[in-house]
Amino acid sequence: ANYEIPLKEFSSGQQIDFLLGIGTKKFDIAQGVLESDAIISLAKMKTHGLTRITGAIKNQFGCVYGLNKGMSHAHYPNIKSFSKMLVDLNRYLIPKLRLFVMDGIVAMEGNGPASGKPVPMKVLLVSDDPVALDATFARLINLDPSFVPTITYGQEMELGYWSEENIEILGEPLEKFINPDFDVVRIPVHEGEPSTLSFLKPVQDFIIQKPVVDKEKCIGCGICEESCPVNKKAIRIVKRKRRKYPLYFYNRCIRCYCCQEMCPVGAISVKTPLLGKLTIYKNN
């Protein structure tokens, strides 16, 4: 109010065409974004069950209005197609995007993006290049930037640069803030995503990471079922012994983790089955 900046509408919007898109050529953009003259993107430094980390590039997903965000997961059901869509979204918005700021004073590790653990990183990152910003975030947590598809596609699709030789670091030395023990998945996406393991479909539930409900925490609100973007819902609320809780149909689950992100009490975690820990995710 002190700066006379009006609040904008993000619950409605319109579909726009983006003919330069590589992963997609249409977006459902919030009206407030369409009416804005400039955008300053403020992201939080944290992990994400699908995209490894959620940072400057993924933050623009908030420019997609209403339930269209959930439906985007159904349209782009694996990490690679979803990441290309996010980069295209940034490419569409880039004429308005002026600055990217990442709050890493206290970050989130582990079961992100909504149920992880706070960890002090004591940094505030600012850049006009979202790819460079996310790559710097990755290096701060000892994560190879090439393992994050939004970063690699970001450079490939000419949104920005992630290579160290193309990034100038100003301020305190980066080495001063590196946290090598930060809890994040440290494997390339092609080694462990459901979409690339179709030949393992019969046993994928015993290998691939999946959302799991803590029945003691669950309050049976049904928000997880409502947020599931799959046409034939992968979650159903059932009643057992006078209590309601989610029942998962993992053969339908696309591992978007919308349920985990939307759970108001943090009752849903992304878990790795024992066989997955011994094989695909053994290096994490």
C-alpha atoms as a PDB file:
ATOM      1  CA  ALA A   1       0.000   0.000   0.000  1.00  0.00           C
ATOM      2  CA  ASN A   2       2.879   2.385   0.782  1.00  0.00           C
ATOM      3  CA  TYR A   3       4.118   2.048  -2.797  1.00  0.00           C
ATOM      4  CA  GLU A   4       0.622   2.278  -4.334  1.00  0.00           C
ATOM      5  CA  ILE A   5       0.966  -1.134  -5.991  1.00  0.00           C
ATOM      6  CA  PRO A   6      -2.514  -2.634  -6.501  1.00  0.00           C
ATOM      7  CA  LEU A   7      -3.285  -6.302  -5.843  1.00  0.00           C
ATOM      8  CA  LYS A   8      -3.919  -8.255  -9.037  1.00  0.00           C
ATOM      9  CA  GLU A   9      -6.301 -11.086  -9.924  1.00  0.00           C
ATOM     10  CA  PHE A  10      -4.757 -14.573 -10.123  1.00  0.00           C
ATOM     11  CA  SER A  11      -7.903 -16.732  -9.867  1.00  0.00           C
ATOM     12  CA  SER A  12      -9.020 -16.049 -13.437  1.00  0.00           C
ATOM     13  CA  GLY A  13      -7.306 -15.419 -16.746  1.00  0.00           C
ATOM     14  CA  GLN A  14      -7.263 -16.448 -20.362  1.00  0.00           C
ATOM     15  CA  GLN A  15      -5.568 -18.872 -22.708  1.00  0.00           C
ATOM     16  CA  ILE A  16      -2.786 -17.406 -24.797  1.00  0.00           C
ATOM     17  CA  ASP A  17      -0.874 -18.733 -27.792  1.00  0.00           C
ATOM     18  CA  PHE A  18       2.903 -18.968 -27.697  1.00  0.00           C
ATOM     19  CA  LEU A  19       3.943 -19.968 -31.191  1.00  0.00           C
ATOM     20  CA  LEU A  20       7.646 -20.002 -30.252  1.00  0.00           C
ATOM     21  CA  GLY A  21       7.035 -22.718 -27.685  1.00  0.00           C
ATOM     22  CA  ILE A  22       9.025 -25.938 -27.935  1.00  0.00           C
ATOM     23  CA  GLY A  23       7.307 -28.050 -25.270  1.00  0.00           C
ATOM     24  CA  THR A  24       3.933 -26.333 -25.569  1.00  0.00           C
ATOM     25  CA  LYS A  25       2.324 -23.522 -27.537  1.00  0.00           C
ATOM     26  CA  LYS A  26      -0.545 -22.555 -25.208  1.00  0.00           C
ATOM     27  CA  PHE A  27      -0.775 -21.305 -21.626  1.00  0.00           C
ATOM     28  CA  ASP A  28      -3.591 -20.345 -19.271  1.00  0.00           C
ATOM     29  CA  ILE A  29      -2.215 -17.105 -17.823  1.00  0.00           C
ATOM     30  CA  ALA A  30      -3.636 -15.224 -14.828  1.00  0.00           C
ATOM     31  CA  GLN A  31      -5.301 -11.901 -15.605  1.00  0.00           C
ATOM     32  CA  GLY A  32      -3.037 -10.052 -13.171  1.00  0.00           C
ATOM     33  CA  VAL A  33       0.022 -11.209 -15.107  1.00  0.00           C
ATOM     34  CA  LEU A  34      -1.437 -10.195 -18.456  1.00  0.00           C
ATOM     35  CA  GLU A  35      -2.229  -6.720 -17.111  1.00  0.00           C
ATOM     36  CA  SER A  36       1.163  -6.151 -15.467  1.00  0.00           C
ATOM     37  CA  ASP A  37       3.903  -3.938 -16.891  1.00  0.00           C
ATOM     38  CA  ALA A  38       6.743  -5.821 -15.182  1.00  0.00           C
ATOM     39  CA  ILE A  39       7.289  -8.884 -12.983  1.00  0.00           C
ATOM     40  CA  ILE A  40       9.748  -9.371 -10.137  1.00  0.00           C
ATOM     41  CA  SER A  41       9.862 -13.069  -9.302  1.00  0.00           C
ATOM     42  CA  LEU A  42      10.464 -13.976  -5.643  1.00  0.00           C
ATOM     43  CA  ALA A  43      11.201 -17.688  -5.158  1.00  0.00           C
ATOM     44  CA  LYS A  44      11.942 -19.727  -2.045  1.00  0.00           C
ATOM     45  CA  MET A  45      14.971 -22.022  -1.963  1.00  0.00           C
ATOM     46  CA  LYS A  46      13.592 -25.528  -1.502  1.00  0.00           C
ATOM     47  CA  THR A  47      13.459 -29.077  -2.783  1.00  0.00           C
ATOM     48  CA  HIS A  48      10.719 -30.616  -4.916  1.00  0.00           C
ATOM     49  CA  GLY A  49       9.736 -34.263  -5.309  1.00  0.00           C
ATOM     50  CA  LEU A  50       9.350 -34.019  -9.083  1.00  0.00           C
ATOM     51  CA  THR A  51      11.841 -31.411 -10.320  1.00  0.00           C
ATOM     52  CA  ARG A  52      14.575 -31.978  -7.676  1.00  0.00           C
ATOM     53  CA  ILE A  53      14.481 -28.296  -6.695  1.00  0.00           C
ATOM     54  CA  THR A  54      11.956 -25.523  -7.080  1.00  0.00           C
ATOM     55  CA  GLY A  55      13.515 -22.169  -7.749  1.00  0.00           C
ATOM     56  CA  ALA A  56      13.522 -19.217 -10.107  1.00  0.00           C
ATOM     57  CA  ILE A  57      12.315 -21.089 -13.215  1.00  0.00           C
ATOM     58  CA  LYS A  58       9.533 -23.059 -11.558  1.00  0.00           C
ATOM     59  CA  ASN A  59       8.302 -20.025  -9.628  1.00  0.00           C
ATOM     60  CA  GLN A  60       6.582 -18.716 -12.775  1.00  0.00           C
ATOM     61  CA  PHE A  61       4.215 -21.708 -12.616  1.00  0.00           C
ATOM     62  CA  GLY A  62       2.268 -19.441 -10.257  1.00  0.00           C
ATOM     63  CA  CYS A  63       1.365 -17.322 -13.294  1.00  0.00           C
ATOM     64  CA  VAL A  64      -0.906 -20.141 -14.480  1.00  0.00           C
ATOM     65  CA  TYR A  65      -4.279 -19.492 -12.893  1.00  0.00           C
ATOM     66  CA  GLY A  66      -6.620 -21.675 -10.868  1.00  0.00           C
ATOM     67  CA  LEU A  67      -7.061 -25.393 -11.469  1.00  0.00           C
ATOM     68  CA  ASN A  68      -5.055 -25.173 -14.697  1.00  0.00           C
ATOM     69  CA  LYS A  69      -1.890 -25.707 -12.653  1.00  0.00           C
ATOM     70  CA  GLY A  70      -3.106 -29.142 -11.583  1.00  0.00           C
ATOM     71  CA  MET A  71      -4.227 -30.015 -15.100  1.00  0.00           C
ATOM     72  CA  SER A  72      -0.766 -29.094 -16.400  1.00  0.00           C
ATOM     73  CA  HIS A  73       0.615 -32.092 -14.523  1.00  0.00           C
ATOM     74  CA  ALA A  74      -1.794 -34.345 -16.418  1.00  0.00           C
ATOM     75  CA  HIS A  75      -0.848 -32.764 -19.764  1.00  0.00           C
ATOM     76  CA  TYR A  76       2.879 -33.054 -18.983  1.00  0.00           C
ATOM     77  CA  PRO A  77       3.008 -36.243 -16.859  1.00  0.00           C
ATOM     78  CA  ASN A  78       6.764 -36.728 -16.617  1.00  0.00           C
ATOM     79  CA  ILE A  79       9.600 -34.569 -15.394  1.00  0.00           C
ATOM     80  CA  LYS A  80      11.078 -33.865 -18.833  1.00  0.00           C
ATOM     81  CA  SER A  81       7.884 -32.687 -20.556  1.00  0.00           C
ATOM     82  CA  PHE A  82       6.881 -30.744 -17.446  1.00  0.00           C
ATOM     83  CA  SER A  83      10.279 -29.040 -17.310  1.00  0.00           C
ATOM     84  CA  LYS A  84      10.147 -28.029 -20.981  1.00  0.00           C
ATOM     85  CA  MET A  85       6.729 -26.503 -20.334  1.00  0.00           C
ATOM     86  CA  LEU A  86       8.149 -24.490 -17.414  1.00  0.00           C
ATOM     87  CA  VAL A  87      10.997 -23.175 -19.562  1.00  0.00           C
ATOM     88  CA  ASP A  88       8.548 -22.222 -22.327  1.00  0.00           C
ATOM     89  CA  LEU A  89       6.420 -20.418 -19.736  1.00  0.00           C
ATOM     90  CA  ASN A  90       9.447 -18.356 -18.713  1.00  0.00           C
ATOM     91  CA  ARG A  91      10.288 -17.687 -22.360  1.00  0.00           C
ATOM     92  CA  TYR A  92       6.763 -16.335 -22.884  1.00  0.00           C
ATOM     93  CA  LEU A  93       6.973 -14.139 -19.771  1.00  0.00           C
ATOM     94  CA  ILE A  94      10.574 -12.972 -20.207  1.00  0.00           C
ATOM     95  CA  PRO A  95       9.680  -9.600 -21.806  1.00  0.00           C
ATOM     96  CA  LYS A  96       7.975  -8.675 -18.495  1.00  0.00           C
ATOM     97  CA  LEU A  97      10.353 -10.449 -16.102  1.00  0.00           C
ATOM     98  CA  ARG A  98      12.771  -7.854 -14.736  1.00  0.00           C
ATOM     99  CA  LEU A  99      14.446  -9.583 -11.813  1.00  0.00           C
ATOM    100  CA  PHE A 100      14.638 -12.953 -10.063  1.00  0.00           C
ATOM    101  CA  VAL A 101      15.142 -13.061  -6.300  1.00  0.00           C
ATOM    102  CA  MET A 102      15.600 -16.281  -4.304  1.00  0.00           C
ATOM    103  CA  ASP A 103      15.131 -16.325  -0.544  1.00  0.00           C
ATOM    104  CA  GLY A 104      17.617 -18.810   0.864  1.00  0.00           C
ATOM    105  CA  ILE A 105      18.050 -17.303   4.310  1.00  0.00           C
ATOM    106  CA  VAL A 106      16.186 -20.352   5.602  1.00  0.00           C
ATOM    107  CA  ALA A 107      15.722 -23.001   2.898  1.00  0.00           C
ATOM    108  CA  MET A 108      13.728 -26.249   2.816  1.00  0.00           C
ATOM    109  CA  GLU A 109      15.391 -29.631   2.379  1.00  0.00           C
ATOM    110  CA  GLY A 110      14.043 -33.165   2.235  1.00  0.00           C
ATOM    111  CA  ASN A 111      10.336 -33.734   1.607  1.00  0.00           C
ATOM    112  CA  GLY A 112       9.685 -30.592  -0.453  1.00  0.00           C
ATOM    113  CA  PRO A 113       7.957 -28.550  -1.655  1.00  0.00           C
ATOM    114  CA  ALA A 114       5.582 -28.401   1.316  1.00  0.00           C
ATOM    115  CA  SER A 115       6.599 -30.875   4.021  1.00  0.00           C
ATOM    116  CA  GLY A 116      10.386 -30.634   4.189  1.00  0.00           C
ATOM    117  CA  LYS A 117      12.650 -29.451   6.986  1.00  0.00           C
ATOM    118  CA  PRO A 118      13.947 -25.884   7.428  1.00  0.00           C
ATOM    119  CA  VAL A 119      17.700 -25.496   7.064  1.00  0.00           C
ATOM    120  CA  PRO A 120      19.666 -22.222   7.356  1.00  0.00           C
ATOM    121  CA  MET A 121      21.510 -21.348   4.137  1.00  0.00           C
ATOM    122  CA  LYS A 122      21.956 -17.640   4.969  1.00  0.00           C
ATOM    123  CA  VAL A 123      21.859 -16.440   1.365  1.00  0.00           C
ATOM    124  CA  LEU A 124      19.796 -14.106  -0.780  1.00  0.00           C
ATOM    125  CA  LEU A 125      20.360 -14.700  -4.500  1.00  0.00           C
ATOM    126  CA  VAL A 126      19.491 -12.091  -7.127  1.00  0.00           C
ATOM    127  CA  SER A 127      19.874 -12.320 -10.920  1.00  0.00           C
ATOM    128  CA  ASP A 128      18.308 -11.330 -14.218  1.00  0.00           C
ATOM    129  CA  ASP A 129      18.938 -14.913 -15.456  1.00  0.00           C
ATOM    130  CA  PRO A 130      16.694 -17.599 -13.862  1.00  0.00           C
ATOM    131  CA  VAL A 131      18.809 -20.442 -15.258  1.00  0.00           C
ATOM    132  CA  ALA A 132      22.002 -19.057 -13.722  1.00  0.00           C
ATOM    133  CA  LEU A 133      20.170 -18.465 -10.447  1.00  0.00           C
ATOM    134  CA  ASP A 134      18.894 -22.049 -10.225  1.00  0.00           C
ATOM    135  CA  ALA A 135      22.300 -23.435 -11.253  1.00  0.00           C
ATOM    136  CA  THR A 136      23.921 -21.428  -8.457  1.00  0.00           C
ATOM    137  CA  PHE A 137      21.320 -22.758  -6.016  1.00  0.00           C
ATOM    138  CA  ALA A 138      22.156 -26.299  -7.157  1.00  0.00           C
ATOM    139  CA  ARG A 139      25.888 -25.759  -6.623  1.00  0.00           C
ATOM    140  CA  LEU A 140      25.222 -24.395  -3.129  1.00  0.00           C
ATOM    141  CA  ILE A 141      23.597 -27.702  -2.149  1.00  0.00           C
ATOM    142  CA  ASN A 142      26.170 -29.924  -3.862  1.00  0.00           C
ATOM    143  CA  LEU A 143      23.737 -30.880  -6.628  1.00  0.00           C
ATOM    144  CA  ASP A 144      25.024 -31.183 -10.187  1.00  0.00           C
ATOM    145  CA  PRO A 145      22.991 -28.614 -12.197  1.00  0.00           C
ATOM    146  CA  SER A 146      22.917 -31.031 -15.140  1.00  0.00           C
ATOM    147  CA  PHE A 147      20.690 -33.310 -13.022  1.00  0.00           C
ATOM    148  CA  VAL A 148      17.938 -30.663 -13.023  1.00  0.00           C
ATOM    149  CA  PRO A 149      16.027 -30.619 -16.335  1.00  0.00           C
ATOM    150  CA  THR A 150      14.635 -27.092 -15.908  1.00  0.00           C
ATOM    151  CA  ILE A 151      18.261 -25.919 -15.793  1.00  0.00           C
ATOM    152  CA  THR A 152      19.569 -27.934 -18.750  1.00  0.00           C
ATOM    153  CA  TYR A 153      16.518 -27.232 -20.909  1.00  0.00           C
ATOM    154  CA  GLY A 154      16.744 -23.606 -19.817  1.00  0.00           C
ATOM    155  CA  GLN A 155      20.109 -23.236 -21.521  1.00  0.00           C
ATOM    156  CA  GLU A 156      19.219 -25.508 -24.441  1.00  0.00           C
ATOM    157  CA  MET A 157      16.070 -23.449 -25.123  1.00  0.00           C
ATOM    158  CA  GLU A 158      18.033 -20.162 -24.784  1.00  0.00           C
ATOM    159  CA  LEU A 159      16.369 -18.911 -21.612  1.00  0.00           C
ATOM    160  CA  GLY A 160      19.729 -18.430 -19.861  1.00  0.00           C
ATOM    161  CA  TYR A 161      23.046 -20.056 -18.918  1.00  0.00           C
ATOM    162  CA  TRP A 162      24.015 -22.640 -16.307  1.00  0.00           C
ATOM    163  CA  SER A 163      27.686 -23.226 -17.169  1.00  0.00           C
ATOM    164  CA  GLU A 164      30.043 -21.779 -14.551  1.00  0.00           C
ATOM    165  CA  GLU A 165      32.126 -19.896 -17.117  1.00  0.00           C
ATOM    166  CA  ASN A 166      29.007 -17.924 -18.119  1.00  0.00           C
ATOM    167  CA  ILE A 167      28.028 -16.919 -14.565  1.00  0.00           C
ATOM    168  CA  GLU A 168      29.629 -14.023 -12.722  1.00  0.00           C
ATOM    169  CA  ILE A 169      29.268 -14.251  -8.945  1.00  0.00           C
ATOM    170  CA  LEU A 170      29.268 -10.949  -7.077  1.00  0.00           C
ATOM    171  CA  GLY A 171      29.302 -10.489  -3.321  1.00  0.00           C
ATOM    172  CA  GLU A 172      30.515 -13.142  -0.854  1.00  0.00           C
ATOM    173  CA  PRO A 173      32.370 -16.186  -2.270  1.00  0.00           C
ATOM    174  CA  LEU A 174      30.039 -19.037  -3.153  1.00  0.00           C
ATOM    175  CA  GLU A 175      32.216 -21.558  -1.288  1.00  0.00           C
ATOM    176  CA  LYS A 176      31.364 -19.855   1.993  1.00  0.00           C
ATOM    177  CA  PHE A 177      27.731 -20.999   1.786  1.00  0.00           C
ATOM    178  CA  ILE A 178      27.911 -24.508   0.253  1.00  0.00           C
ATOM    179  CA  ASN A 179      26.001 -27.150   2.215  1.00  0.00           C
ATOM    180  CA  PRO A 180      27.174 -30.589   0.996  1.00  0.00           C
ATOM    181  CA  ASP A 181      24.748 -32.407   3.320  1.00  0.00           C
ATOM    182  CA  PHE A 182      21.603 -30.696   2.025  1.00  0.00           C
ATOM    183  CA  ASP A 183      18.896 -33.379   1.705  1.00  0.00           C
ATOM    184  CA  VAL A 184      17.997 -33.552  -2.001  1.00  0.00           C
ATOM    185  CA  VAL A 185      17.778 -36.277  -4.674  1.00  0.00           C
ATOM    186  CA  ARG A 186      21.158 -36.374  -6.440  1.00  0.00           C
ATOM    187  CA  ILE A 187      20.635 -38.553  -9.516  1.00  0.00           C
ATOM    188  CA  PRO A 188      20.040 -37.656 -13.188  1.00  0.00           C
ATOM    189  CA  VAL A 189      16.352 -37.789 -14.037  1.00  0.00           C
ATOM    190  CA  HIS A 190      16.753 -40.416 -16.752  1.00  0.00           C
ATOM    191  CA  GLU A 191      17.887 -42.949 -14.160  1.00  0.00           C
ATOM    192  CA  GLY A 192      14.728 -42.959 -12.122  1.00  0.00           C
ATOM    193  CA  GLU A 193      11.601 -41.423 -13.594  1.00  0.00           C
ATOM    194  CA  PRO A 194       8.478 -43.541 -14.246  1.00  0.00           C
ATOM    195  CA  SER A 195       8.168 -42.328 -17.845  1.00  0.00           C
ATOM    196  CA  THR A 196      11.557 -43.795 -18.770  1.00  0.00           C
ATOM    197  CA  LEU A 197      11.053 -47.099 -17.007  1.00  0.00           C
ATOM    198  CA  SER A 198       8.015 -48.425 -18.887  1.00  0.00           C
ATOM    199  CA  PHE A 199       9.637 -51.849 -19.217  1.00  0.00           C
ATOM    200  CA  LEU A 200       9.587 -52.025 -15.400  1.00  0.00           C
ATOM    201  CA  LYS A 201       5.871 -51.101 -15.172  1.00  0.00           C
ATOM    202  CA  PRO A 202       4.845 -54.361 -13.451  1.00  0.00           C
ATOM    203  CA  VAL A 203       7.275 -53.749 -10.592  1.00  0.00           C
ATOM    204  CA  GLN A 204       7.591 -49.945 -10.580  1.00  0.00           C
ATOM    205  CA  ASP A 205       5.626 -49.657  -7.309  1.00  0.00           C
ATOM    206  CA  PHE A 206       8.465 -51.521  -5.624  1.00  0.00           C
ATOM    207  CA  ILE A 207      11.153 -49.247  -7.144  1.00  0.00           C
ATOM    208  CA  ILE A 208       9.946 -45.721  -7.969  1.00  0.00           C
ATOM    209  CA  GLN A 209       9.441 -43.001  -5.368  1.00  0.00           C
ATOM    210  CA  LYS A 210       5.782 -42.522  -4.486  1.00  0.00           C
ATOM    211  CA  PRO A 211       3.521 -40.485  -2.190  1.00  0.00           C
ATOM    212  CA  VAL A 212       2.693 -42.234   1.083  1.00  0.00           C
ATOM    213  CA  VAL A 213       0.162 -41.179   3.740  1.00  0.00           C
ATOM    214  CA  ASP A 214       0.875 -40.994   7.451  1.00  0.00           C
ATOM    215  CA  LYS A 215      -2.511 -42.118   8.802  1.00  0.00           C
ATOM    216  CA  GLU A 216      -1.764 -40.704  12.233  1.00  0.00           C
ATOM    217  CA  LYS A 217      -1.367 -37.194  10.813  1.00  0.00           C
ATOM    218  CA  CYS A 218      -4.124 -37.440   8.190  1.00  0.00           C
ATOM    219  CA  ILE A 219      -7.367 -35.591   9.024  1.00  0.00           C
ATOM    220  CA  GLY A 220      -9.362 -37.046   6.115  1.00  0.00           C
ATOM    221  CA  CYS A 221     -10.102 -33.638   4.565  1.00  0.00           C
ATOM    222  CA  GLY A 222     -10.026 -34.930   0.977  1.00  0.00           C
ATOM    223  CA  ILE A 223      -7.879 -32.094  -0.408  1.00  0.00           C
ATOM    224  CA  CYS A 224      -5.418 -34.632  -1.801  1.00  0.00           C
ATOM    225  CA  GLU A 225      -8.170 -36.315  -3.824  1.00  0.00           C
ATOM    226  CA  GLU A 226      -9.435 -32.961  -5.089  1.00  0.00           C
ATOM    227  CA  SER A 227      -5.940 -31.865  -6.159  1.00  0.00           C
ATOM    228  CA  CYS A 228      -5.144 -35.059  -8.102  1.00  0.00           C
ATOM    229  CA  PRO A 229      -5.025 -34.022 -11.799  1.00  0.00           C
ATOM    230  CA  VAL A 230      -5.430 -37.549 -13.213  1.00  0.00           C
ATOM    231  CA  ASN A 231      -8.777 -38.132 -14.977  1.00  0.00           C
ATOM    232  CA  LYS A 232      -9.331 -41.453 -13.226  1.00  0.00           C
ATOM    233  CA  LYS A 233      -8.226 -40.276  -9.820  1.00  0.00           C
ATOM    234  CA  ALA A 234      -5.158 -41.957  -8.368  1.00  0.00           C
ATOM    235  CA  ILE A 235      -6.511 -41.189  -4.886  1.00  0.00           C
ATOM    236  CA  ARG A 236      -9.819 -42.052  -3.272  1.00  0.00           C
ATOM    237  CA  ILE A 237     -10.914 -41.105   0.227  1.00  0.00           C
ATOM    238  CA  VAL A 238     -12.136 -44.233   2.006  1.00  0.00           C
ATOM    239  CA  LYS A 239     -13.604 -44.828   5.453  1.00  0.00           C
ATOM    240  CA  ARG A 240     -12.097 -47.539   7.610  1.00  0.00           C
ATOM    241  CA  LYS A 241     -12.755 -48.036  11.319  1.00  0.00           C
ATOM    242  CA  ARG A 242     -14.651 -44.730  11.579  1.00  0.00           C
ATOM    243  CA  ARG A 243     -11.764 -42.792  10.029  1.00  0.00           C
ATOM    244  CA  LYS A 244     -11.313 -41.317   6.577  1.00  0.00           C
ATOM    245  CA  TYR A 245      -7.970 -41.438   4.802  1.00  0.00           C
ATOM    246  CA  PRO A 246      -6.590 -41.546   1.219  1.00  0.00           C
ATOM    247  CA  LEU A 247      -6.214 -44.807  -0.667  1.00  0.00           C
ATOM    248  CA  TYR A 248      -3.697 -44.664  -3.534  1.00  0.00           C
ATOM    249  CA  PHE A 249      -3.957 -46.431  -6.892  1.00  0.00           C
ATOM    250  CA  TYR A 250      -0.284 -46.259  -7.812  1.00  0.00           C
ATOM    251  CA  ASN A 251      -0.833 -47.722 -11.285  1.00  0.00           C
ATOM    252  CA  ARG A 252      -2.624 -44.446 -12.131  1.00  0.00           C
ATOM    253  CA  CYS A 253      -0.287 -42.127 -10.216  1.00  0.00           C
ATOM    254  CA  ILE A 254       1.897 -39.878 -12.426  1.00  0.00           C
ATOM    255  CA  ARG A 255       4.140 -38.836  -9.483  1.00  0.00           C
ATOM    256  CA  CYS A 256       3.310 -35.137  -9.780  1.00  0.00           C
ATOM    257  CA  TYR A 257       3.075 -34.912  -5.960  1.00  0.00           C
ATOM    258  CA  CYS A 258       0.271 -32.338  -6.081  1.00  0.00           C
ATOM    259  CA  CYS A 259      -1.317 -34.247  -3.188  1.00  0.00           C
ATOM    260  CA  GLN A 260       1.805 -33.873  -1.086  1.00  0.00           C
ATOM    261  CA  GLU A 261       2.104 -30.185  -1.909  1.00  0.00           C
ATOM    262  CA  MET A 262      -1.540 -29.428  -1.096  1.00  0.00           C
ATOM    263  CA  CYS A 263      -1.871 -31.461   2.130  1.00  0.00           C
ATOM    264  CA  PRO A 264      -2.622 -28.891   4.879  1.00  0.00           C
ATOM    265  CA  VAL A 265      -1.151 -31.005   7.705  1.00  0.00           C
ATOM    266  CA  GLY A 266       1.957 -32.481   6.034  1.00  0.00           C
ATOM    267  CA  ALA A 267       0.604 -36.027   6.210  1.00  0.00           C
ATOM    268  CA  ILE A 268       1.912 -37.070   2.769  1.00  0.00           C
ATOM    269  CA  SER A 269       5.579 -37.812   2.134  1.00  0.00           C
ATOM    270  CA  VAL A 270       7.519 -38.942  -0.924  1.00  0.00           C
ATOM    271  CA  LYS A 271       9.024 -42.309  -0.041  1.00  0.00           C
ATOM    272  CA  THR A 272      11.481 -44.566  -1.848  1.00  0.00           C
ATOM    273  CA  PRO A 273      10.692 -48.309  -1.658  1.00  0.00           C
ATOM    274  CA  LEU A 274      13.478 -50.556  -0.349  1.00  0.00           C
ATOM    275  CA  LEU A 275      14.223 -52.052  -3.786  1.00  0.00           C
ATOM    276  CA  GLY A 276      14.494 -48.547  -5.228  1.00  0.00           C
ATOM    277  CA  LYS A 277      16.987 -47.592  -2.518  1.00  0.00           C
ATOM    278  CA  LEU A 278      19.105 -50.605  -3.430  1.00  0.00           C
ATOM    279  CA  THR A 279      19.000 -49.925  -7.193  1.00  0.00           C
ATOM    280  CA  ILE A 280      17.929 -46.654  -8.806  1.00  0.00           C
ATOM    281  CA  TYR A 281      18.285 -44.286  -5.841  1.00  0.00           C
ATOM    282  CA  LYS A 282      21.298 -45.944  -4.229  1.00  0.00           C
ATOM    283  CA  ASN A 283      23.544 -42.920  -4.886  1.00  0.00           C
ATOM    284  CA  ASN A 284      21.256 -40.380  -3.245  1.00  0.00           C
END
